[in-house]
């Protein structure tokens, strides 16, 4: 009996179980083809996110690379990489614009 005076069934038990147990229970129910399709949909979601957010992701990756290897960043700066990077950002942003002229 539960504290509300009714008998607990398996659904009630799972709803009070910790998150990990619920995840294990739901994973046991899934079939192989369902797992594959959910993996494909997750990959598609990540792909869409990266395509939509390529500029901020690229800037963060560049900052992390600069922190990890500052000497390489200094060498790139001497070669004029910031100028080419700025031009590249504008070119990529321009390519992403919709062109309704046909």
PDB file of N, CA and C in Angstrom:
ATOM      1  N   UNK A   1       0.842  -1.189   0.000  1.00  0.00           N
ATOM      2  CA  UNK A   1       0.000   0.000   0.000  1.00  0.00           C
ATOM      3  C   UNK A   1       0.881   1.244   0.000  1.00  0.00           C
ATOM      4  N   UNK A   2       0.431   2.262  -0.686  1.00  0.00           N
ATOM      5  CA  UNK A   2       1.157   3.530  -0.677  1.00  0.00           C
ATOM      6  C   UNK A   2       0.670   4.371   0.482  1.00  0.00           C
ATOM      7  N   UNK A   3       1.295   5.497   0.674  1.00  0.00           N
ATOM      8  CA  UNK A   3       0.878   6.344   1.787  1.00  0.00           C
ATOM      9  C   UNK A   3      -0.490   6.957   1.557  1.00  0.00           C
ATOM     10  N   UNK A   4      -1.010   6.886   0.312  1.00  0.00           N
ATOM     11  CA  UNK A   4      -2.343   7.403   0.021  1.00  0.00           C
ATOM     12  C   UNK A   4      -3.418   6.326   0.118  1.00  0.00           C
ATOM     13  N   UNK A   5      -3.039   5.126   0.561  1.00  0.00           N
ATOM     14  CA  UNK A   5      -4.010   4.077   0.785  1.00  0.00           C
ATOM     15  C   UNK A   5      -4.323   3.228  -0.430  1.00  0.00           C
ATOM     16  N   UNK A   6      -3.584   3.344  -1.516  1.00  0.00           N
ATOM     17  CA  UNK A   6      -3.836   2.481  -2.668  1.00  0.00           C
ATOM     18  C   UNK A   6      -2.607   1.632  -2.925  1.00  0.00           C
ATOM     19  N   UNK A   7      -2.814   0.566  -3.633  1.00  0.00           N
ATOM     20  CA  UNK A   7      -1.713  -0.345  -3.912  1.00  0.00           C
ATOM     21  C   UNK A   7      -0.852   0.223  -5.026  1.00  0.00           C
ATOM     22  N   UNK A   8       0.452   0.069  -4.877  1.00  0.00           N
ATOM     23  CA  UNK A   8       1.380   0.552  -5.902  1.00  0.00           C
ATOM     24  C   UNK A   8       1.513  -0.493  -6.991  1.00  0.00           C
ATOM     25  N   UNK A   9       1.408  -0.065  -8.245  1.00  0.00           N
ATOM     26  CA  UNK A   9       1.676  -0.988  -9.341  1.00  0.00           C
ATOM     27  C   UNK A   9       3.059  -0.676  -9.900  1.00  0.00           C
ATOM     28  N   UNK A  10       3.469  -1.399 -10.923  1.00  0.00           N
ATOM     29  CA  UNK A  10       4.820  -1.245 -11.444  1.00  0.00           C
ATOM     30  C   UNK A  10       5.048   0.169 -11.983  1.00  0.00           C
ATOM     31  N   UNK A  11       4.064   0.788 -12.606  1.00  0.00           N
ATOM     32  CA  UNK A  11       4.209   2.140 -13.114  1.00  0.00           C
ATOM     33  C   UNK A  11       4.486   3.136 -12.000  1.00  0.00           C
ATOM     34  N   UNK A  12       3.769   2.965 -10.864  1.00  0.00           N
ATOM     35  CA  UNK A  12       4.018   3.854  -9.727  1.00  0.00           C
ATOM     36  C   UNK A  12       5.417   3.654  -9.186  1.00  0.00           C
ATOM     37  N   UNK A  13       5.870   2.410  -9.153  1.00  0.00           N
ATOM     38  CA  UNK A  13       7.205   2.127  -8.633  1.00  0.00           C
ATOM     39  C   UNK A  13       8.261   2.766  -9.514  1.00  0.00           C
ATOM     40  N   UNK A  14       8.094   2.667 -10.845  1.00  0.00           N
ATOM     41  CA  UNK A  14       9.070   3.265 -11.745  1.00  0.00           C
ATOM     42  C   UNK A  14       9.071   4.781 -11.656  1.00  0.00           C
ATOM     43  N   UNK A  15       7.890   5.370 -11.423  1.00  0.00           N
ATOM     44  CA  UNK A  15       7.852   6.823 -11.364  1.00  0.00           C
ATOM     45  C   UNK A  15       8.550   7.345 -10.114  1.00  0.00           C
ATOM     46  N   UNK A  16       8.647   6.538  -9.062  1.00  0.00           N
ATOM     47  CA  UNK A  16       9.351   6.968  -7.855  1.00  0.00           C
ATOM     48  C   UNK A  16      10.798   6.511  -7.834  1.00  0.00           C
ATOM     49  N   UNK A  17      11.185   5.685  -8.816  1.00  0.00           N
ATOM     50  CA  UNK A  17      12.554   5.171  -8.865  1.00  0.00           C
ATOM     51  C   UNK A  17      13.514   6.286  -9.258  1.00  0.00           C
ATOM     52  N   UNK A  18      14.762   6.171  -8.870  1.00  0.00           N
ATOM     53  CA  UNK A  18      15.744   7.165  -9.305  1.00  0.00           C
ATOM     54  C   UNK A  18      15.868   7.184 -10.820  1.00  0.00           C
ATOM     55  N   UNK A  19      16.386   8.273 -11.332  1.00  0.00           N
ATOM     56  CA  UNK A  19      16.505   8.480 -12.784  1.00  0.00           C
ATOM     57  C   UNK A  19      17.232   7.339 -13.477  1.00  0.00           C
ATOM     58  N   UNK A  20      18.300   6.880 -12.889  1.00  0.00           N
ATOM     59  CA  UNK A  20      19.094   5.831 -13.520  1.00  0.00           C
ATOM     60  C   UNK A  20      18.278   4.563 -13.721  1.00  0.00           C
ATOM     61  N   UNK A  21      17.486   4.198 -12.733  1.00  0.00           N
ATOM     62  CA  UNK A  21      16.676   2.989 -12.865  1.00  0.00           C
ATOM     63  C   UNK A  21      15.633   3.161 -13.956  1.00  0.00           C
ATOM     64  N   UNK A  22      15.055   4.352 -14.078  1.00  0.00           N
ATOM     65  CA  UNK A  22      14.074   4.578 -15.130  1.00  0.00           C
ATOM     66  C   UNK A  22      14.729   4.505 -16.504  1.00  0.00           C
ATOM     67  N   UNK A  23      15.944   5.025 -16.635  1.00  0.00           N
ATOM     68  CA  UNK A  23      16.642   4.945 -17.906  1.00  0.00           C
ATOM     69  C   UNK A  23      16.950   3.506 -18.283  1.00  0.00           C
ATOM     70  N   UNK A  24      17.380   2.717 -17.318  1.00  0.00           N
ATOM     71  CA  UNK A  24      17.669   1.309 -17.576  1.00  0.00           C
ATOM     72  C   UNK A  24      16.399   0.587 -17.985  1.00  0.00           C
ATOM     73  N   UNK A  25      15.288   0.875 -17.320  1.00  0.00           N
ATOM     74  CA  UNK A  25      14.024   0.224 -17.647  1.00  0.00           C
ATOM     75  C   UNK A  25      13.566   0.615 -19.047  1.00  0.00           C
ATOM     76  N   UNK A  26      13.721   1.874 -19.423  1.00  0.00           N
ATOM     77  CA  UNK A  26      13.294   2.287 -20.757  1.00  0.00           C
ATOM     78  C   UNK A  26      14.228   1.738 -21.831  1.00  0.00           C
ATOM     79  N   UNK A  27      15.505   1.589 -21.530  1.00  0.00           N
ATOM     80  CA  UNK A  27      16.443   1.026 -22.502  1.00  0.00           C
ATOM     81  C   UNK A  27      16.155  -0.445 -22.749  1.00  0.00           C
ATOM     82  N   UNK A  28      15.695  -1.144 -21.725  1.00  0.00           N
ATOM     83  CA  UNK A  28      15.392  -2.563 -21.875  1.00  0.00           C
ATOM     84  C   UNK A  28      14.179  -2.766 -22.770  1.00  0.00           C
ATOM     85  N   UNK A  29      13.283  -1.782 -22.840  1.00  0.00           N
ATOM     86  CA  UNK A  29      12.074  -1.903 -23.626  1.00  0.00           C
ATOM     87  C   UNK A  29      12.354  -1.686 -25.106  1.00  0.00           C
ATOM     88  N   UNK A  30      13.346  -0.838 -25.445  1.00  0.00           N
ATOM     89  CA  UNK A  30      13.626  -0.466 -26.830  1.00  0.00           C
ATOM     90  C   UNK A  30      14.103  -1.626 -27.671  1.00  0.00           C
ATOM     91  N   UNK A  31      13.841  -1.535 -28.974  1.00  0.00           N
ATOM     92  CA  UNK A  31      14.310  -2.573 -29.887  1.00  0.00           C
ATOM     93  C   UNK A  31      15.536  -2.069 -30.626  1.00  0.00           C
ATOM     94  N   UNK A  32      16.239  -2.943 -31.314  1.00  0.00           N
ATOM     95  CA  UNK A  32      17.461  -2.573 -32.018  1.00  0.00           C
ATOM     96  C   UNK A  32      17.223  -1.534 -33.094  1.00  0.00           C
ATOM     97  N   UNK A  33      16.151  -1.676 -33.883  1.00  0.00           N
ATOM     98  CA  UNK A  33      15.898  -0.719 -34.959  1.00  0.00           C
ATOM     99  C   UNK A  33      15.516   0.640 -34.384  1.00  0.00           C
ATOM    100  N   UNK A  34      14.817   0.641 -33.265  1.00  0.00           N
ATOM    101  CA  UNK A  34      14.457   1.903 -32.626  1.00  0.00           C
ATOM    102  C   UNK A  34      15.700   2.614 -32.125  1.00  0.00           C
ATOM    103  N   UNK A  35      16.653   1.863 -31.574  1.00  0.00           N
ATOM    104  CA  UNK A  35      17.891   2.456 -31.098  1.00  0.00           C
ATOM    105  C   UNK A  35      18.669   3.068 -32.256  1.00  0.00           C
ATOM    106  N   UNK A  36      18.683   2.379 -33.381  1.00  0.00           N
ATOM    107  CA  UNK A  36      19.399   2.881 -34.549  1.00  0.00           C
ATOM    108  C   UNK A  36      18.760   4.151 -35.073  1.00  0.00           C
ATOM    109  N   UNK A  37      17.428   4.189 -35.134  1.00  0.00           N
ATOM    110  CA  UNK A  37      16.753   5.391 -35.631  1.00  0.00           C
ATOM    111  C   UNK A  37      16.912   6.550 -34.659  1.00  0.00           C
ATOM    112  N   UNK A  38      16.935   6.274 -33.357  1.00  0.00           N
ATOM    113  CA  UNK A  38      17.142   7.365 -32.404  1.00  0.00           C
ATOM    114  C   UNK A  38      18.567   7.878 -32.496  1.00  0.00           C
ATOM    115  N   UNK A  39      19.533   6.997 -32.772  1.00  0.00           N
ATOM    116  CA  UNK A  39      20.915   7.434 -32.971  1.00  0.00           C
ATOM    117  C   UNK A  39      21.020   8.311 -34.207  1.00  0.00           C
ATOM    118  N   UNK A  40      20.364   7.891 -35.297  1.00  0.00           N
ATOM    119  CA  UNK A  40      20.396   8.681 -36.526  1.00  0.00           C
ATOM    120  C   UNK A  40      19.742  10.039 -36.325  1.00  0.00           C
ATOM    121  N   UNK A  41      18.633  10.084 -35.573  1.00  0.00           N
ATOM    122  CA  UNK A  41      17.981  11.369 -35.340  1.00  0.00           C
ATOM    123  C   UNK A  41      18.841  12.254 -34.448  1.00  0.00           C
ATOM    124  N   UNK A  42      19.580  11.658 -33.509  1.00  0.00           N
ATOM    125  CA  UNK A  42      20.483  12.448 -32.667  1.00  0.00           C
ATOM    126  C   UNK A  42      21.620  13.017 -33.506  1.00  0.00           C
ATOM    127  N   UNK A  43      22.145  12.219 -34.421  1.00  0.00           N
ATOM    128  CA  UNK A  43      23.223  12.689 -35.298  1.00  0.00           C
ATOM    129  C   UNK A  43      22.708  13.815 -36.187  1.00  0.00           C
ATOM    130  N   UNK A  44      21.492  13.669 -36.709  1.00  0.00           N
ATOM    131  CA  UNK A  44      20.906  14.724 -37.546  1.00  0.00           C
ATOM    132  C   UNK A  44      20.711  16.005 -36.735  1.00  0.00           C
ATOM    133  N   UNK A  45      20.304  15.877 -35.474  1.00  0.00           N
ATOM    134  CA  UNK A  45      20.134  17.055 -34.622  1.00  0.00           C
ATOM    135  C   UNK A  45      21.450  17.768 -34.382  1.00  0.00           C
ATOM    136  N   UNK A  46      22.502  17.003 -34.138  1.00  0.00           N
ATOM    137  CA  UNK A  46      23.830  17.600 -33.934  1.00  0.00           C
ATOM    138  C   UNK A  46      24.301  18.261 -35.222  1.00  0.00           C
ATOM    139  N   UNK A  47      24.051  17.605 -36.343  1.00  0.00           N
ATOM    140  CA  UNK A  47      24.459  18.153 -37.642  1.00  0.00           C
ATOM    141  C   UNK A  47      23.769  19.490 -37.907  1.00  0.00           C
ATOM    142  N   UNK A  48      22.460  19.566 -37.629  1.00  0.00           N
ATOM    143  CA  UNK A  48      21.725  20.814 -37.821  1.00  0.00           C
ATOM    144  C   UNK A  48      22.253  21.908 -36.899  1.00  0.00           C
ATOM    145  N   UNK A  49      22.554  21.545 -35.653  1.00  0.00           N
ATOM    146  CA  UNK A  49      23.072  22.526 -34.697  1.00  0.00           C
ATOM    147  C   UNK A  49      24.414  23.082 -35.160  1.00  0.00           C
ATOM    148  N   UNK A  50      25.304  22.203 -35.608  1.00  0.00           N
ATOM    149  CA  UNK A  50      26.631  22.644 -36.055  1.00  0.00           C
ATOM    150  C   UNK A  50      26.504  23.524 -37.299  1.00  0.00           C
ATOM    151  N   UNK A  51      25.613  23.164 -38.223  1.00  0.00           N
ATOM    152  CA  UNK A  51      25.427  23.979 -39.418  1.00  0.00           C
ATOM    153  C   UNK A  51      24.859  25.355 -39.071  1.00  0.00           C
ATOM    154  N   UNK A  52      23.970  25.412 -38.102  1.00  0.00           N
ATOM    155  CA  UNK A  52      23.367  26.688 -37.727  1.00  0.00           C
ATOM    156  C   UNK A  52      24.307  27.543 -36.889  1.00  0.00           C
ATOM    157  N   UNK A  53      25.187  26.921 -36.132  1.00  0.00           N
ATOM    158  CA  UNK A  53      26.043  27.646 -35.188  1.00  0.00           C
ATOM    159  C   UNK A  53      27.527  27.502 -35.517  1.00  0.00           C
ATOM    160  N   UNK A  54      27.873  27.416 -36.814  1.00  0.00           N
ATOM    161  CA  UNK A  54      29.275  27.165 -37.163  1.00  0.00           C
ATOM    162  C   UNK A  54      30.191  28.309 -36.743  1.00  0.00           C
ATOM    163  N   UNK A  55      29.705  29.540 -36.798  1.00  0.00           N
ATOM    164  CA  UNK A  55      30.576  30.672 -36.457  1.00  0.00           C
ATOM    165  C   UNK A  55      30.953  30.689 -34.974  1.00  0.00           C
ATOM    166  N   UNK A  56      29.973  30.657 -34.050  1.00  0.00           N
ATOM    167  CA  UNK A  56      30.376  30.631 -32.638  1.00  0.00           C
ATOM    168  C   UNK A  56      31.192  29.394 -32.274  1.00  0.00           C
ATOM    169  N   UNK A  57      30.851  28.248 -32.856  1.00  0.00           N
ATOM    170  CA  UNK A  57      31.617  27.034 -32.570  1.00  0.00           C
ATOM    171  C   UNK A  57      33.048  27.158 -33.076  1.00  0.00           C
ATOM    172  N   UNK A  58      33.224  27.747 -34.244  1.00  0.00           N
ATOM    173  CA  UNK A  58      34.560  27.948 -34.788  1.00  0.00           C
ATOM    174  C   UNK A  58      35.378  28.928 -33.957  1.00  0.00           C
ATOM    175  N   UNK A  59      34.730  29.992 -33.496  1.00  0.00           N
ATOM    176  CA  UNK A  59      35.439  30.965 -32.660  1.00  0.00           C
ATOM    177  C   UNK A  59      35.866  30.358 -31.330  1.00  0.00           C
ATOM    178  N   UNK A  60      34.984  29.582 -30.723  1.00  0.00           N
ATOM    179  CA  UNK A  60      35.333  28.918 -29.455  1.00  0.00           C
ATOM    180  C   UNK A  60      36.453  27.906 -29.682  1.00  0.00           C
ATOM    181  N   UNK A  61      36.375  27.155 -30.778  1.00  0.00           N
ATOM    182  CA  UNK A  61      37.442  26.189 -31.084  1.00  0.00           C
ATOM    183  C   UNK A  61      38.774  26.899 -31.298  1.00  0.00           C
ATOM    184  N   UNK A  62      38.749  28.048 -31.971  1.00  0.00           N
ATOM    185  CA  UNK A  62      39.967  28.815 -32.174  1.00  0.00           C
ATOM    186  C   UNK A  62      40.541  29.335 -30.872  1.00  0.00           C
ATOM    187  N   UNK A  63      39.667  29.789 -29.980  1.00  0.00           N
ATOM    188  CA  UNK A  63      40.143  30.270 -28.670  1.00  0.00           C
ATOM    189  C   UNK A  63      40.754  29.128 -27.863  1.00  0.00           C
ATOM    190  N   UNK A  64      40.110  27.975 -27.891  1.00  0.00           N
ATOM    191  CA  UNK A  64      40.649  26.822 -27.160  1.00  0.00           C
ATOM    192  C   UNK A  64      41.983  26.368 -27.752  1.00  0.00           C
ATOM    193  N   UNK A  65      42.093  26.422 -29.064  1.00  0.00           N
ATOM    194  CA  UNK A  65      43.364  26.055 -29.701  1.00  0.00           C
ATOM    195  C   UNK A  65      44.454  27.051 -29.317  1.00  0.00           C
ATOM    196  N   UNK A  66      44.091  28.332 -29.220  1.00  0.00           N
ATOM    197  CA  UNK A  66      45.054  29.346 -28.818  1.00  0.00           C
ATOM    198  C   UNK A  66      45.523  29.172 -27.387  1.00  0.00           C
ATOM    199  N   UNK A  67      44.627  28.746 -26.517  1.00  0.00           N
ATOM    200  CA  UNK A  67      45.006  28.485 -25.122  1.00  0.00           C
ATOM    201  C   UNK A  67      45.884  27.243 -25.044  1.00  0.00           C
ATOM    202  N   UNK A  68      45.560  26.240 -25.851  1.00  0.00           N
ATOM    203  CA  UNK A  68      46.308  24.985 -25.806  1.00  0.00           C
ATOM    204  C   UNK A  68      47.703  25.123 -26.412  1.00  0.00           C
ATOM    205  N   UNK A  69      47.836  25.925 -27.475  1.00  0.00           N
ATOM    206  CA  UNK A  69      49.127  26.074 -28.155  1.00  0.00           C
ATOM    207  C   UNK A  69      49.356  27.542 -28.516  1.00  0.00           C
ATOM    208  N   UNK A  70      49.746  28.371 -27.552  1.00  0.00           N
ATOM    209  CA  UNK A  70      49.905  29.798 -27.848  1.00  0.00           C
ATOM    210  C   UNK A  70      51.014  30.092 -28.860  1.00  0.00           C
ATOM    211  N   UNK A  71      52.032  29.269 -28.929  1.00  0.00           N
ATOM    212  CA  UNK A  71      53.116  29.505 -29.883  1.00  0.00           C
ATOM    213  C   UNK A  71      52.611  29.394 -31.323  1.00  0.00           C
ATOM    214  N   UNK A  72      51.726  28.443 -31.580  1.00  0.00           N
ATOM    215  CA  UNK A  72      51.155  28.290 -32.919  1.00  0.00           C
ATOM    216  C   UNK A  72      50.303  29.509 -33.273  1.00  0.00           C
ATOM    217  N   UNK A  73      49.600  30.056 -32.308  1.00  0.00           N
ATOM    218  CA  UNK A  73      48.803  31.254 -32.540  1.00  0.00           C
ATOM    219  C   UNK A  73      49.661  32.458 -32.857  1.00  0.00           C
ATOM    220  N   UNK A  74      50.779  32.588 -32.180  1.00  0.00           N
ATOM    221  CA  UNK A  74      51.698  33.692 -32.457  1.00  0.00           C
ATOM    222  C   UNK A  74      52.291  33.569 -33.858  1.00  0.00           C
ATOM    223  N   UNK A  75      52.645  32.359 -34.259  1.00  0.00           N
ATOM    224  CA  UNK A  75      53.187  32.136 -35.602  1.00  0.00           C
ATOM    225  C   UNK A  75      52.133  32.450 -36.663  1.00  0.00           C
ATOM    226  N   UNK A  76      50.872  32.053 -36.408  1.00  0.00           N
ATOM    227  CA  UNK A  76      49.794  32.332 -37.360  1.00  0.00           C
ATOM    228  C   UNK A  76      49.544  33.829 -37.466  1.00  0.00           C
ATOM    229  N   UNK A  77      49.659  34.547 -36.351  1.00  0.00           N
ATOM    230  CA  UNK A  77      49.464  35.994 -36.372  1.00  0.00           C
ATOM    231  C   UNK A  77      50.538  36.683 -37.207  1.00  0.00           C
ATOM    232  N   UNK A  78      51.754  36.183 -37.147  1.00  0.00           N
ATOM    233  CA  UNK A  78      52.842  36.766 -37.942  1.00  0.00           C
ATOM    234  C   UNK A  78      52.631  36.540 -39.437  1.00  0.00           C
ATOM    235  N   UNK A  79      51.939  35.461 -39.791  1.00  0.00           N
ATOM    236  CA  UNK A  79      51.677  35.152 -41.202  1.00  0.00           C
ATOM    237  C   UNK A  79      50.440  35.864 -41.749  1.00  0.00           C
ATOM    238  N   UNK A  80      49.716  36.579 -40.899  1.00  0.00           N
ATOM    239  CA  UNK A  80      48.529  37.312 -41.350  1.00  0.00           C
ATOM    240  C   UNK A  80      47.245  36.519 -41.293  1.00  0.00           C
ATOM    241  N   UNK A  81      47.197  35.492 -40.483  1.00  0.00           N
ATOM    242  CA  UNK A  81      45.996  34.658 -40.384  1.00  0.00           C
ATOM    243  C   UNK A  81      44.753  35.436 -39.940  1.00  0.00           C
ATOM    244  N   UNK A  82      44.866  36.432 -39.031  1.00  0.00           N
ATOM    245  CA  UNK A  82      43.649  37.160 -38.634  1.00  0.00           C
ATOM    246  C   UNK A  82      42.952  37.848 -39.811  1.00  0.00           C
ATOM    247  N   UNK A  83      43.723  38.366 -40.743  1.00  0.00           N
ATOM    248  CA  UNK A  83      43.125  39.023 -41.917  1.00  0.00           C
ATOM    249  C   UNK A  83      42.369  38.006 -42.764  1.00  0.00           C
ATOM    250  N   UNK A  84      42.990  36.858 -42.998  1.00  0.00           N
ATOM    251  CA  UNK A  84      42.322  35.815 -43.784  1.00  0.00           C
ATOM    252  C   UNK A  84      41.128  35.231 -43.045  1.00  0.00           C
ATOM    253  N   UNK A  85      41.222  35.126 -41.734  1.00  0.00           N
ATOM    254  CA  UNK A  85      40.105  34.603 -40.945  1.00  0.00           C
ATOM    255  C   UNK A  85      38.905  35.540 -41.025  1.00  0.00           C
ATOM    256  N   UNK A  86      39.165  36.847 -40.936  1.00  0.00           N
ATOM    257  CA  UNK A  86      38.077  37.825 -41.028  1.00  0.00           C
ATOM    258  C   UNK A  86      37.418  37.752 -42.404  1.00  0.00           C
ATOM    259  N   UNK A  87      38.222  37.686 -43.447  1.00  0.00           N
ATOM    260  CA  UNK A  87      37.667  37.577 -44.802  1.00  0.00           C
ATOM    261  C   UNK A  87      36.873  36.281 -44.952  1.00  0.00           C
ATOM    262  N   UNK A  88      37.385  35.205 -44.395  1.00  0.00           N
ATOM    263  CA  UNK A  88      36.678  33.923 -44.457  1.00  0.00           C
ATOM    264  C   UNK A  88      35.336  33.965 -43.749  1.00  0.00           C
ATOM    265  N   UNK A  89      35.300  34.632 -42.602  1.00  0.00           N
ATOM    266  CA  UNK A  89      34.030  34.751 -41.868  1.00  0.00           C
ATOM    267  C   UNK A  89      33.001  35.486 -42.715  1.00  0.00           C
ATOM    268  N   UNK A  90      33.409  36.589 -43.345  1.00  0.00           N
ATOM    269  CA  UNK A  90      32.467  37.342 -44.180  1.00  0.00           C
ATOM    270  C   UNK A  90      32.030  36.528 -45.394  1.00  0.00           C
ATOM    271  N   UNK A  91      32.934  35.806 -46.015  1.00  0.00           N
ATOM    272  CA  UNK A  91      32.567  34.986 -47.172  1.00  0.00           C
ATOM    273  C   UNK A  91      31.588  33.879 -46.787  1.00  0.00           C
ATOM    274  N   UNK A  92      31.863  33.178 -45.688  1.00  0.00           N
ATOM    275  CA  UNK A  92      30.958  32.115 -45.246  1.00  0.00           C
ATOM    276  C   UNK A  92      29.598  32.665 -44.842  1.00  0.00           C
ATOM    277  N   UNK A  93      29.589  33.807 -44.184  1.00  0.00           N
ATOM    278  CA  UNK A  93      28.315  34.419 -43.792  1.00  0.00           C
ATOM    279  C   UNK A  93      27.523  34.840 -45.024  1.00  0.00           C
ATOM    280  N   UNK A  94      28.217  35.346 -46.037  1.00  0.00           N
ATOM    281  CA  UNK A  94      27.545  35.719 -47.278  1.00  0.00           C
ATOM    282  C   UNK A  94      26.972  34.526 -48.009  1.00  0.00           C
ATOM    283  N   UNK A  95      27.670  33.404 -47.952  1.00  0.00           N
ATOM    284  CA  UNK A  95      27.171  32.186 -48.595  1.00  0.00           C
ATOM    285  C   UNK A  95      25.906  31.660 -47.914  1.00  0.00           C
ATOM    286  N   UNK A  96      25.755  31.940 -46.645  1.00  0.00           N
ATOM    287  CA  UNK A  96      24.593  31.462 -45.900  1.00  0.00           C
ATOM    288  C   UNK A  96      23.341  32.290 -46.160  1.00  0.00           C
ATOM    289  N   UNK A  97      23.483  33.483 -46.736  1.00  0.00           N
ATOM    290  CA  UNK A  97      22.328  34.336 -46.997  1.00  0.00           C
ATOM    291  C   UNK A  97      21.446  33.725 -48.072  1.00  0.00           C
ATOM    292  N   UNK A  98      20.142  33.941 -47.942  1.00  0.00           N
ATOM    293  CA  UNK A  98      19.195  33.467 -48.958  1.00  0.00           C
ATOM    294  C   UNK A  98      19.232  34.419 -50.137  1.00  0.00           C
ATOM    295  N   UNK A  99      19.275  33.876 -51.324  1.00  0.00           N
ATOM    296  CA  UNK A  99      19.260  34.679 -52.532  1.00  0.00           C
ATOM    297  C   UNK A  99      17.969  34.370 -53.271  1.00  0.00           C
ATOM    298  N   UNK A 100      17.028  35.302 -53.237  1.00  0.00           N
ATOM    299  CA  UNK A 100      15.734  35.078 -53.864  1.00  0.00           C
ATOM    300  C   UNK A 100      15.716  35.482 -55.334  1.00  0.00           C
ATOM    301  N   UNK A 101      16.839  35.983 -55.829  1.00  0.00           N
ATOM    302  CA  UNK A 101      16.893  36.371 -57.240  1.00  0.00           C
ATOM    303  C   UNK A 101      17.062  35.131 -58.096  1.00  0.00           C
ATOM    304  N   UNK A 102      16.165  34.925 -59.003  1.00  0.00           N
ATOM    305  CA  UNK A 102      16.254  33.787 -59.935  1.00  0.00           C
ATOM    306  C   UNK A 102      16.110  34.243 -61.332  1.00  0.00           C
TER     307      UNK A 102
END
